[in-house]
């Protein structure tokens, strides 16, 4: 068993724990709900990273379904014409359903910098199931750190006038950095329809690092990082799906209101929140200051 308890390693808060190691000279793009490293050669992200809290799984805003080029990627991103008639879905890396806690985060989840070509049966099937499972784990374990993306290499087929690479595989690595156990798990899934159980695709985080060349969760203490990433402990995670009735009860248990917080520009925050304090997750530090 590779999960480590708080007694074995002091649990301390680590800012931006979700971010992988950033190559020298690379420019990471930060949005409200997620960060990404864009790969210009393949016209899609090398990785997308974010923390998903239990509170953020409570949706306050619906999908926009308005796909946009990312204005923060200087080299420009793919666009509508790349995917039109291609037969591939515009597959979210940071799911729209994970960004429903904020109008801005929802809008930014539809940037093409967050998209990669996915087989429809994959995007709407097992990939969607994995995204749903991550949300359930965020609810159960208080928060989950997520890094996800396509496996990119030379020679991949492409679509569109921007030559967007079509990956053969996608990965997702997850970290539960909460009591009573700190644990991690990885997934590598083929870009194809599948009827297999998600647990069949579970691998160690080290395994994902080997095929991607990405160093995940480098801000963890070295001994903890090595312990968590070297093996996979399937039984350390809950694989029982939450019923639809339970999800509905959770989503409607508390009415959302506009955050009382103030932005750096001095404006009132536009996010909605179900936090009893009246402040969203980004402005909870203002609870006692106003």
C-alpha atoms as a PDB file:
ATOM      1  CA  UNK A   1       0.000   0.000   0.000  1.00  0.00           C
ATOM      2  CA  UNK A   2       1.531   3.318  -1.060  1.00  0.00           C
ATOM      3  CA  UNK A   3      -0.881   5.816   0.484  1.00  0.00           C
ATOM      4  CA  UNK A   4       0.792   7.764   3.278  1.00  0.00           C
ATOM      5  CA  UNK A   5      -1.010   8.911   6.408  1.00  0.00           C
ATOM      6  CA  UNK A   6      -0.558  12.270   8.109  1.00  0.00           C
ATOM      7  CA  UNK A   7       1.274  10.547  10.956  1.00  0.00           C
ATOM      8  CA  UNK A   8       3.912   9.276   8.508  1.00  0.00           C
ATOM      9  CA  UNK A   9       4.492  12.633   6.828  1.00  0.00           C
ATOM     10  CA  UNK A  10       3.547  16.100   8.047  1.00  0.00           C
ATOM     11  CA  UNK A  11       0.665  17.413   5.968  1.00  0.00           C
ATOM     12  CA  UNK A  12       1.411  21.014   5.021  1.00  0.00           C
ATOM     13  CA  UNK A  13      -0.327  23.365   2.608  1.00  0.00           C
ATOM     14  CA  UNK A  14       1.521  23.672  -0.717  1.00  0.00           C
ATOM     15  CA  UNK A  15       0.612  26.479  -3.105  1.00  0.00           C
ATOM     16  CA  UNK A  16       0.033  25.435  -6.750  1.00  0.00           C
ATOM     17  CA  UNK A  17       0.583  21.793  -5.843  1.00  0.00           C
ATOM     18  CA  UNK A  18      -1.198  20.726  -9.042  1.00  0.00           C
ATOM     19  CA  UNK A  19       1.426  22.205 -11.382  1.00  0.00           C
ATOM     20  CA  UNK A  20       3.926  19.806 -13.021  1.00  0.00           C
ATOM     21  CA  UNK A  21       7.578  20.758 -13.401  1.00  0.00           C
ATOM     22  CA  UNK A  22       7.767  23.544 -15.984  1.00  0.00           C
ATOM     23  CA  UNK A  23      10.452  23.264 -18.695  1.00  0.00           C
ATOM     24  CA  UNK A  24      12.947  26.130 -18.819  1.00  0.00           C
ATOM     25  CA  UNK A  25      11.645  28.954 -20.953  1.00  0.00           C
ATOM     26  CA  UNK A  26       8.105  27.521 -21.207  1.00  0.00           C
ATOM     27  CA  UNK A  27       5.154  29.826 -20.638  1.00  0.00           C
ATOM     28  CA  UNK A  28       2.328  28.440 -18.540  1.00  0.00           C
ATOM     29  CA  UNK A  29      -1.105  29.964 -19.181  1.00  0.00           C
ATOM     30  CA  UNK A  30      -3.199  30.515 -16.049  1.00  0.00           C
ATOM     31  CA  UNK A  31      -6.983  30.736 -16.219  1.00  0.00           C
ATOM     32  CA  UNK A  32      -9.376  31.098 -13.305  1.00  0.00           C
ATOM     33  CA  UNK A  33     -10.148  27.393 -13.021  1.00  0.00           C
ATOM     34  CA  UNK A  34      -7.087  25.724 -14.532  1.00  0.00           C
ATOM     35  CA  UNK A  35      -3.557  26.196 -15.852  1.00  0.00           C
ATOM     36  CA  UNK A  36      -2.035  24.724 -19.004  1.00  0.00           C
ATOM     37  CA  UNK A  37       1.127  24.312 -21.009  1.00  0.00           C
ATOM     38  CA  UNK A  38       0.301  24.760 -24.693  1.00  0.00           C
ATOM     39  CA  UNK A  39       2.149  22.691 -27.288  1.00  0.00           C
ATOM     40  CA  UNK A  40       2.356  24.716 -30.479  1.00  0.00           C
ATOM     41  CA  UNK A  41       3.760  21.824 -32.495  1.00  0.00           C
ATOM     42  CA  UNK A  42       0.659  19.722 -31.823  1.00  0.00           C
ATOM     43  CA  UNK A  43      -1.834  22.634 -31.423  1.00  0.00           C
ATOM     44  CA  UNK A  44      -3.179  21.308 -28.126  1.00  0.00           C
ATOM     45  CA  UNK A  45      -2.090  21.340 -24.480  1.00  0.00           C
ATOM     46  CA  UNK A  46       0.731  19.137 -23.214  1.00  0.00           C
ATOM     47  CA  UNK A  47      -1.043  19.250 -19.873  1.00  0.00           C
ATOM     48  CA  UNK A  48      -3.901  20.922 -18.054  1.00  0.00           C
ATOM     49  CA  UNK A  49      -3.746  21.141 -14.256  1.00  0.00           C
ATOM     50  CA  UNK A  50      -6.163  22.257 -11.558  1.00  0.00           C
ATOM     51  CA  UNK A  51      -7.441  21.589  -8.064  1.00  0.00           C
ATOM     52  CA  UNK A  52     -11.062  20.489  -7.798  1.00  0.00           C
ATOM     53  CA  UNK A  53     -12.646  20.950  -4.379  1.00  0.00           C
ATOM     54  CA  UNK A  54     -15.850  19.425  -3.077  1.00  0.00           C
ATOM     55  CA  UNK A  55     -17.463  22.864  -3.088  1.00  0.00           C
ATOM     56  CA  UNK A  56     -16.506  23.433  -6.727  1.00  0.00           C
ATOM     57  CA  UNK A  57     -18.431  20.327  -7.808  1.00  0.00           C
ATOM     58  CA  UNK A  58     -21.648  22.188  -6.925  1.00  0.00           C
ATOM     59  CA  UNK A  59     -22.630  23.668 -10.281  1.00  0.00           C
ATOM     60  CA  UNK A  60     -23.982  27.217 -10.357  1.00  0.00           C
ATOM     61  CA  UNK A  61     -23.628  27.867 -14.120  1.00  0.00           C
ATOM     62  CA  UNK A  62     -24.612  25.815 -17.165  1.00  0.00           C
ATOM     63  CA  UNK A  63     -22.402  24.927 -20.141  1.00  0.00           C
ATOM     64  CA  UNK A  64     -21.876  27.714 -22.648  1.00  0.00           C
ATOM     65  CA  UNK A  65     -20.983  25.408 -25.582  1.00  0.00           C
ATOM     66  CA  UNK A  66     -19.260  28.427 -27.104  1.00  0.00           C
ATOM     67  CA  UNK A  67     -15.813  27.317 -28.268  1.00  0.00           C
ATOM     68  CA  UNK A  68     -13.240  30.105 -28.498  1.00  0.00           C
ATOM     69  CA  UNK A  69      -9.601  30.622 -29.357  1.00  0.00           C
ATOM     70  CA  UNK A  70      -7.563  31.288 -26.238  1.00  0.00           C
ATOM     71  CA  UNK A  71      -6.543  34.977 -26.224  1.00  0.00           C
ATOM     72  CA  UNK A  72      -3.773  34.230 -23.715  1.00  0.00           C
ATOM     73  CA  UNK A  73      -1.858  31.860 -26.021  1.00  0.00           C
ATOM     74  CA  UNK A  74       0.454  34.146 -27.986  1.00  0.00           C
ATOM     75  CA  UNK A  75       1.043  31.660 -30.815  1.00  0.00           C
ATOM     76  CA  UNK A  76      -2.748  31.250 -31.268  1.00  0.00           C
ATOM     77  CA  UNK A  77      -4.661  28.013 -30.842  1.00  0.00           C
ATOM     78  CA  UNK A  78      -6.727  25.685 -32.985  1.00  0.00           C
ATOM     79  CA  UNK A  79     -10.162  26.917 -34.081  1.00  0.00           C
ATOM     80  CA  UNK A  80     -13.615  25.779 -35.218  1.00  0.00           C
ATOM     81  CA  UNK A  81     -12.438  24.962 -38.743  1.00  0.00           C
ATOM     82  CA  UNK A  82      -9.864  22.460 -37.502  1.00  0.00           C
ATOM     83  CA  UNK A  83     -12.571  20.237 -36.029  1.00  0.00           C
ATOM     84  CA  UNK A  84     -15.396  20.901 -38.507  1.00  0.00           C
ATOM     85  CA  UNK A  85     -16.116  17.717 -40.477  1.00  0.00           C
ATOM     86  CA  UNK A  86     -13.184  15.888 -38.885  1.00  0.00           C
ATOM     87  CA  UNK A  87     -15.268  13.218 -37.164  1.00  0.00           C
ATOM     88  CA  UNK A  88     -13.597  14.014 -33.831  1.00  0.00           C
ATOM     89  CA  UNK A  89     -15.075  15.655 -30.760  1.00  0.00           C
ATOM     90  CA  UNK A  90     -13.551  18.756 -29.249  1.00  0.00           C
ATOM     91  CA  UNK A  91     -12.552  16.906 -26.118  1.00  0.00           C
ATOM     92  CA  UNK A  92     -12.204  18.934 -22.931  1.00  0.00           C
ATOM     93  CA  UNK A  93      -9.144  18.298 -20.773  1.00  0.00           C
ATOM     94  CA  UNK A  94     -10.486  20.359 -17.874  1.00  0.00           C
ATOM     95  CA  UNK A  95     -14.171  19.312 -18.081  1.00  0.00           C
ATOM     96  CA  UNK A  96     -16.840  21.969 -18.308  1.00  0.00           C
ATOM     97  CA  UNK A  97     -18.662  20.148 -15.507  1.00  0.00           C
ATOM     98  CA  UNK A  98     -15.670  20.841 -13.215  1.00  0.00           C
ATOM     99  CA  UNK A  99     -15.923  24.572 -13.936  1.00  0.00           C
ATOM    100  CA  UNK A 100     -19.614  25.179 -13.222  1.00  0.00           C
ATOM    101  CA  UNK A 101     -18.808  27.011  -9.974  1.00  0.00           C
ATOM    102  CA  UNK A 102     -17.929  30.184 -11.899  1.00  0.00           C
ATOM    103  CA  UNK A 103     -19.264  31.916 -14.996  1.00  0.00           C
ATOM    104  CA  UNK A 104     -15.725  32.923 -15.970  1.00  0.00           C
ATOM    105  CA  UNK A 105     -14.272  29.454 -15.345  1.00  0.00           C
ATOM    106  CA  UNK A 106     -17.061  27.898 -17.413  1.00  0.00           C
ATOM    107  CA  UNK A 107     -16.401  30.260 -20.325  1.00  0.00           C
ATOM    108  CA  UNK A 108     -12.648  29.620 -20.205  1.00  0.00           C
ATOM    109  CA  UNK A 109     -13.149  25.844 -20.182  1.00  0.00           C
ATOM    110  CA  UNK A 110     -14.285  26.187 -23.813  1.00  0.00           C
ATOM    111  CA  UNK A 111     -11.008  27.701 -24.994  1.00  0.00           C
ATOM    112  CA  UNK A 112      -9.350  25.622 -27.711  1.00  0.00           C
ATOM    113  CA  UNK A 113      -6.233  25.528 -25.558  1.00  0.00           C
ATOM    114  CA  UNK A 114      -8.247  23.123 -23.382  1.00  0.00           C
ATOM    115  CA  UNK A 115      -9.285  20.892 -26.310  1.00  0.00           C
ATOM    116  CA  UNK A 116      -7.840  17.829 -28.017  1.00  0.00           C
ATOM    117  CA  UNK A 117      -9.389  15.625 -30.757  1.00  0.00           C
ATOM    118  CA  UNK A 118     -11.216  12.683 -29.218  1.00  0.00           C
ATOM    119  CA  UNK A 119     -13.110   9.783 -30.754  1.00  0.00           C
ATOM    120  CA  UNK A 120     -16.809  10.452 -29.969  1.00  0.00           C
ATOM    121  CA  UNK A 121     -17.295   7.076 -28.287  1.00  0.00           C
ATOM    122  CA  UNK A 122     -14.304   7.803 -26.057  1.00  0.00           C
ATOM    123  CA  UNK A 123     -15.202  11.400 -25.186  1.00  0.00           C
ATOM    124  CA  UNK A 124     -18.833  10.569 -24.421  1.00  0.00           C
ATOM    125  CA  UNK A 125     -18.061   7.181 -22.896  1.00  0.00           C
ATOM    126  CA  UNK A 126     -15.192   6.067 -20.719  1.00  0.00           C
ATOM    127  CA  UNK A 127     -13.494   9.503 -20.631  1.00  0.00           C
ATOM    128  CA  UNK A 128     -16.728  11.033 -19.357  1.00  0.00           C
ATOM    129  CA  UNK A 129     -16.999   8.264 -16.751  1.00  0.00           C
ATOM    130  CA  UNK A 130     -13.497   9.049 -15.525  1.00  0.00           C
ATOM    131  CA  UNK A 131     -14.358  12.751 -15.274  1.00  0.00           C
ATOM    132  CA  UNK A 132     -17.465  11.875 -13.257  1.00  0.00           C
ATOM    133  CA  UNK A 133     -15.400   9.636 -10.988  1.00  0.00           C
ATOM    134  CA  UNK A 134     -12.938  12.466 -10.347  1.00  0.00           C
ATOM    135  CA  UNK A 135     -15.818  14.698  -9.229  1.00  0.00           C
ATOM    136  CA  UNK A 136     -17.053  11.972  -6.897  1.00  0.00           C
ATOM    137  CA  UNK A 137     -13.571  11.651  -5.426  1.00  0.00           C
ATOM    138  CA  UNK A 138     -13.362  15.431  -4.980  1.00  0.00           C
ATOM    139  CA  UNK A 139     -16.573  15.235  -2.964  1.00  0.00           C
ATOM    140  CA  UNK A 140     -15.437  12.239  -0.948  1.00  0.00           C
ATOM    141  CA  UNK A 141     -11.847  13.351  -0.279  1.00  0.00           C
ATOM    142  CA  UNK A 142     -12.534  17.141   0.039  1.00  0.00           C
ATOM    143  CA  UNK A 143     -10.314  18.011  -2.930  1.00  0.00           C
ATOM    144  CA  UNK A 144      -8.424  16.358  -5.786  1.00  0.00           C
ATOM    145  CA  UNK A 145      -5.403  17.706  -7.674  1.00  0.00           C
ATOM    146  CA  UNK A 146      -5.709  16.844 -11.367  1.00  0.00           C
ATOM    147  CA  UNK A 147      -3.229  16.862 -14.253  1.00  0.00           C
ATOM    148  CA  UNK A 148      -4.438  15.558 -17.593  1.00  0.00           C
ATOM    149  CA  UNK A 149      -3.585  15.638 -21.274  1.00  0.00           C
ATOM    150  CA  UNK A 150      -2.817  13.727 -24.468  1.00  0.00           C
ATOM    151  CA  UNK A 151       0.244  11.581 -25.134  1.00  0.00           C
ATOM    152  CA  UNK A 152       2.082  13.616 -27.773  1.00  0.00           C
ATOM    153  CA  UNK A 153       4.887  12.443 -30.027  1.00  0.00           C
ATOM    154  CA  UNK A 154       6.131  12.735 -33.586  1.00  0.00           C
ATOM    155  CA  UNK A 155       4.150  11.106 -36.372  1.00  0.00           C
ATOM    156  CA  UNK A 156       0.620  11.489 -35.015  1.00  0.00           C
ATOM    157  CA  UNK A 157      -2.164  11.992 -37.593  1.00  0.00           C
ATOM    158  CA  UNK A 158      -3.557  15.502 -37.778  1.00  0.00           C
ATOM    159  CA  UNK A 159      -6.794  17.320 -38.575  1.00  0.00           C
ATOM    160  CA  UNK A 160      -7.630  20.784 -39.876  1.00  0.00           C
ATOM    161  CA  UNK A 161      -5.707  23.637 -41.415  1.00  0.00           C
ATOM    162  CA  UNK A 162      -3.633  24.037 -38.237  1.00  0.00           C
ATOM    163  CA  UNK A 163      -2.594  20.360 -38.240  1.00  0.00           C
ATOM    164  CA  UNK A 164      -3.970  19.531 -34.810  1.00  0.00           C
ATOM    165  CA  UNK A 165      -2.472  16.227 -33.638  1.00  0.00           C
ATOM    166  CA  UNK A 166      -4.862  13.351 -32.919  1.00  0.00           C
ATOM    167  CA  UNK A 167      -3.509  11.437 -29.887  1.00  0.00           C
ATOM    168  CA  UNK A 168      -3.713   7.671 -29.588  1.00  0.00           C
ATOM    169  CA  UNK A 169      -3.827   7.869 -25.790  1.00  0.00           C
ATOM    170  CA  UNK A 170      -4.818  10.246 -23.002  1.00  0.00           C
ATOM    171  CA  UNK A 171      -3.602  10.335 -19.418  1.00  0.00           C
ATOM    172  CA  UNK A 172      -4.848  11.638 -16.099  1.00  0.00           C
ATOM    173  CA  UNK A 173      -2.968  11.733 -12.793  1.00  0.00           C
ATOM    174  CA  UNK A 174      -4.685  12.468  -9.501  1.00  0.00           C
ATOM    175  CA  UNK A 175      -3.525  13.374  -6.021  1.00  0.00           C
ATOM    176  CA  UNK A 176      -5.592  13.239  -2.839  1.00  0.00           C
ATOM    177  CA  UNK A 177      -3.664  15.460  -0.436  1.00  0.00           C
ATOM    178  CA  UNK A 178      -6.057  15.203   2.503  1.00  0.00           C
ATOM    179  CA  UNK A 179      -6.510  13.304   5.740  1.00  0.00           C
ATOM    180  CA  UNK A 180      -6.378  10.522   6.668  1.00  0.00           C
ATOM    181  CA  UNK A 181      -4.321   9.261   3.707  1.00  0.00           C
ATOM    182  CA  UNK A 182      -2.329  11.072   1.055  1.00  0.00           C
ATOM    183  CA  UNK A 183      -2.499   9.028  -2.128  1.00  0.00           C
ATOM    184  CA  UNK A 184      -2.121   9.231  -5.882  1.00  0.00           C
ATOM    185  CA  UNK A 185      -3.160   7.307  -8.982  1.00  0.00           C
ATOM    186  CA  UNK A 186      -2.690   7.525 -12.750  1.00  0.00           C
ATOM    187  CA  UNK A 187      -4.674   6.480 -15.816  1.00  0.00           C
ATOM    188  CA  UNK A 188      -3.680   5.875 -19.430  1.00  0.00           C
ATOM    189  CA  UNK A 189      -6.594   5.292 -21.810  1.00  0.00           C
ATOM    190  CA  UNK A 190      -6.650   4.655 -25.569  1.00  0.00           C
ATOM    191  CA  UNK A 191      -8.542   7.222 -27.626  1.00  0.00           C
ATOM    192  CA  UNK A 192     -11.258   4.707 -28.479  1.00  0.00           C
ATOM    193  CA  UNK A 193     -14.576   3.419 -27.218  1.00  0.00           C
ATOM    194  CA  UNK A 194     -14.276   0.995 -24.325  1.00  0.00           C
ATOM    195  CA  UNK A 195     -16.541  -1.094 -22.136  1.00  0.00           C
ATOM    196  CA  UNK A 196     -13.818  -1.890 -19.604  1.00  0.00           C
ATOM    197  CA  UNK A 197     -13.929  -0.861 -15.964  1.00  0.00           C
ATOM    198  CA  UNK A 198     -11.931   2.292 -15.235  1.00  0.00           C
ATOM    199  CA  UNK A 199      -9.839   0.423 -12.684  1.00  0.00           C
ATOM    200  CA  UNK A 200      -8.416  -1.638 -15.557  1.00  0.00           C
ATOM    201  CA  UNK A 201      -6.638   1.478 -16.815  1.00  0.00           C
ATOM    202  CA  UNK A 202      -5.168   2.488 -13.458  1.00  0.00           C
ATOM    203  CA  UNK A 203      -1.375   2.777 -13.393  1.00  0.00           C
ATOM    204  CA  UNK A 204       1.273   4.328 -11.169  1.00  0.00           C
ATOM    205  CA  UNK A 205       2.048   8.011 -11.595  1.00  0.00           C
ATOM    206  CA  UNK A 206       5.636   6.983 -12.346  1.00  0.00           C
ATOM    207  CA  UNK A 207       4.312   5.037 -15.341  1.00  0.00           C
ATOM    208  CA  UNK A 208       2.624   8.153 -16.700  1.00  0.00           C
ATOM    209  CA  UNK A 209       5.795  10.174 -16.134  1.00  0.00           C
ATOM    210  CA  UNK A 210       7.803   7.668 -18.187  1.00  0.00           C
ATOM    211  CA  UNK A 211       5.548   7.896 -21.256  1.00  0.00           C
ATOM    212  CA  UNK A 212       4.961  11.659 -21.086  1.00  0.00           C
ATOM    213  CA  UNK A 213       8.332  12.896 -19.850  1.00  0.00           C
ATOM    214  CA  UNK A 214       6.447  15.125 -17.387  1.00  0.00           C
ATOM    215  CA  UNK A 215       7.366  15.386 -13.704  1.00  0.00           C
ATOM    216  CA  UNK A 216       4.093  15.480 -11.786  1.00  0.00           C
ATOM    217  CA  UNK A 217       3.619  17.043  -8.334  1.00  0.00           C
ATOM    218  CA  UNK A 218       7.272  18.143  -7.997  1.00  0.00           C
ATOM    219  CA  UNK A 219       6.388  20.403  -5.046  1.00  0.00           C
ATOM    220  CA  UNK A 220       5.665  17.410  -2.805  1.00  0.00           C
ATOM    221  CA  UNK A 221       8.436  16.550  -0.330  1.00  0.00           C
ATOM    222  CA  UNK A 222      10.810  14.169  -2.155  1.00  0.00           C
ATOM    223  CA  UNK A 223      10.209  11.170   0.107  1.00  0.00           C
ATOM    224  CA  UNK A 224       6.441  11.560  -0.138  1.00  0.00           C
ATOM    225  CA  UNK A 225       6.542  12.059  -3.908  1.00  0.00           C
ATOM    226  CA  UNK A 226       8.608   8.894  -4.400  1.00  0.00           C
ATOM    227  CA  UNK A 227       6.320   6.823  -2.171  1.00  0.00           C
ATOM    228  CA  UNK A 228       3.083   7.992  -3.758  1.00  0.00           C
ATOM    229  CA  UNK A 229       4.202   7.764  -7.380  1.00  0.00           C
ATOM    230  CA  UNK A 230       6.068   4.465  -7.535  1.00  0.00           C
ATOM    231  CA  UNK A 231       3.130   2.039  -7.306  1.00  0.00           C
ATOM    232  CA  UNK A 232      -0.617   1.968  -7.859  1.00  0.00           C
ATOM    233  CA  UNK A 233      -3.009   1.105  -5.041  1.00  0.00           C
ATOM    234  CA  UNK A 234      -6.406   0.498  -6.639  1.00  0.00           C
ATOM    235  CA  UNK A 235      -7.996  -0.552  -3.347  1.00  0.00           C
ATOM    236  CA  UNK A 236      -7.018   2.781  -1.750  1.00  0.00           C
ATOM    237  CA  UNK A 237      -9.703   4.518  -3.810  1.00  0.00           C
ATOM    238  CA  UNK A 238     -13.481   4.295  -3.718  1.00  0.00           C
ATOM    239  CA  UNK A 239     -14.929   2.951  -6.976  1.00  0.00           C
ATOM    240  CA  UNK A 240     -18.604   2.963  -6.002  1.00  0.00           C
ATOM    241  CA  UNK A 241     -20.533   5.507  -8.029  1.00  0.00           C
ATOM    242  CA  UNK A 242     -22.715   8.031  -6.230  1.00  0.00           C
ATOM    243  CA  UNK A 243     -26.367   7.557  -7.162  1.00  0.00           C
ATOM    244  CA  UNK A 244     -28.180  10.143  -9.277  1.00  0.00           C
ATOM    245  CA  UNK A 245     -30.505  10.858  -6.345  1.00  0.00           C
ATOM    246  CA  UNK A 246     -27.566  11.635  -4.080  1.00  0.00           C
ATOM    247  CA  UNK A 247     -26.020  13.920  -6.707  1.00  0.00           C
ATOM    248  CA  UNK A 248     -29.300  15.797  -7.142  1.00  0.00           C
ATOM    249  CA  UNK A 249     -29.681  16.166  -3.388  1.00  0.00           C
ATOM    250  CA  UNK A 250     -26.148  17.568  -3.117  1.00  0.00           C
ATOM    251  CA  UNK A 251     -26.542  19.995  -6.008  1.00  0.00           C
ATOM    252  CA  UNK A 252     -29.755  21.481  -4.610  1.00  0.00           C
ATOM    253  CA  UNK A 253     -28.968  21.349  -0.919  1.00  0.00           C
ATOM    254  CA  UNK A 254     -27.814  24.992  -0.737  1.00  0.00           C
ATOM    255  CA  UNK A 255     -28.823  27.976  -2.878  1.00  0.00           C
ATOM    256  CA  UNK A 256     -25.934  29.796  -4.549  1.00  0.00           C
ATOM    257  CA  UNK A 257     -25.382  33.533  -4.125  1.00  0.00           C
ATOM    258  CA  UNK A 258     -22.952  36.044  -5.602  1.00  0.00           C
ATOM    259  CA  UNK A 259     -19.656  36.123  -3.751  1.00  0.00           C
ATOM    260  CA  UNK A 260     -19.229  39.033  -1.333  1.00  0.00           C
ATOM    261  CA  UNK A 261     -15.502  39.199  -2.074  1.00  0.00           C
ATOM    262  CA  UNK A 262     -13.592  41.988  -3.769  1.00  0.00           C
ATOM    263  CA  UNK A 263     -11.209  41.409  -6.683  1.00  0.00           C
ATOM    264  CA  UNK A 264      -7.707  42.892  -6.928  1.00  0.00           C
ATOM    265  CA  UNK A 265      -9.163  45.557  -9.224  1.00  0.00           C
ATOM    266  CA  UNK A 266     -11.556  46.586  -6.461  1.00  0.00           C
ATOM    267  CA  UNK A 267     -14.680  45.146  -8.078  1.00  0.00           C
ATOM    268  CA  UNK A 268     -17.124  42.725  -6.513  1.00  0.00           C
ATOM    269  CA  UNK A 269     -16.382  39.105  -7.426  1.00  0.00           C
ATOM    270  CA  UNK A 270     -18.690  37.730 -10.129  1.00  0.00           C
ATOM    271  CA  UNK A 271     -18.525  34.110  -8.931  1.00  0.00           C
ATOM    272  CA  UNK A 272     -21.495  32.405  -7.329  1.00  0.00           C
ATOM    273  CA  UNK A 273     -20.960  30.395  -4.169  1.00  0.00           C
ATOM    274  CA  UNK A 274     -22.848  28.023  -1.887  1.00  0.00           C
ATOM    275  CA  UNK A 275     -20.419  28.649   0.946  1.00  0.00           C
ATOM    276  CA  UNK A 276     -22.320  29.662   4.084  1.00  0.00           C
ATOM    277  CA  UNK A 277     -19.846  32.539   4.589  1.00  0.00           C
ATOM    278  CA  UNK A 278     -20.970  34.164   1.351  1.00  0.00           C
ATOM    279  CA  UNK A 279     -17.425  34.109  -0.074  1.00  0.00           C
ATOM    280  CA  UNK A 280     -16.218  31.876  -2.923  1.00  0.00           C
ATOM    281  CA  UNK A 281     -13.137  29.677  -2.625  1.00  0.00           C
ATOM    282  CA  UNK A 282     -10.920  32.411  -4.082  1.00  0.00           C
ATOM    283  CA  UNK A 283     -11.960  35.048  -1.520  1.00  0.00           C
ATOM    284  CA  UNK A 284     -12.456  33.068   1.672  1.00  0.00           C
ATOM    285  CA  UNK A 285      -9.471  34.926   3.115  1.00  0.00           C
ATOM    286  CA  UNK A 286     -11.615  38.081   3.101  1.00  0.00           C
ATOM    287  CA  UNK A 287     -14.268  36.681   5.457  1.00  0.00           C
ATOM    288  CA  UNK A 288     -12.865  38.394   8.533  1.00  0.00           C
ATOM    289  CA  UNK A 289     -11.494  41.467   6.808  1.00  0.00           C
ATOM    290  CA  UNK A 290     -14.772  43.027   5.623  1.00  0.00           C
END
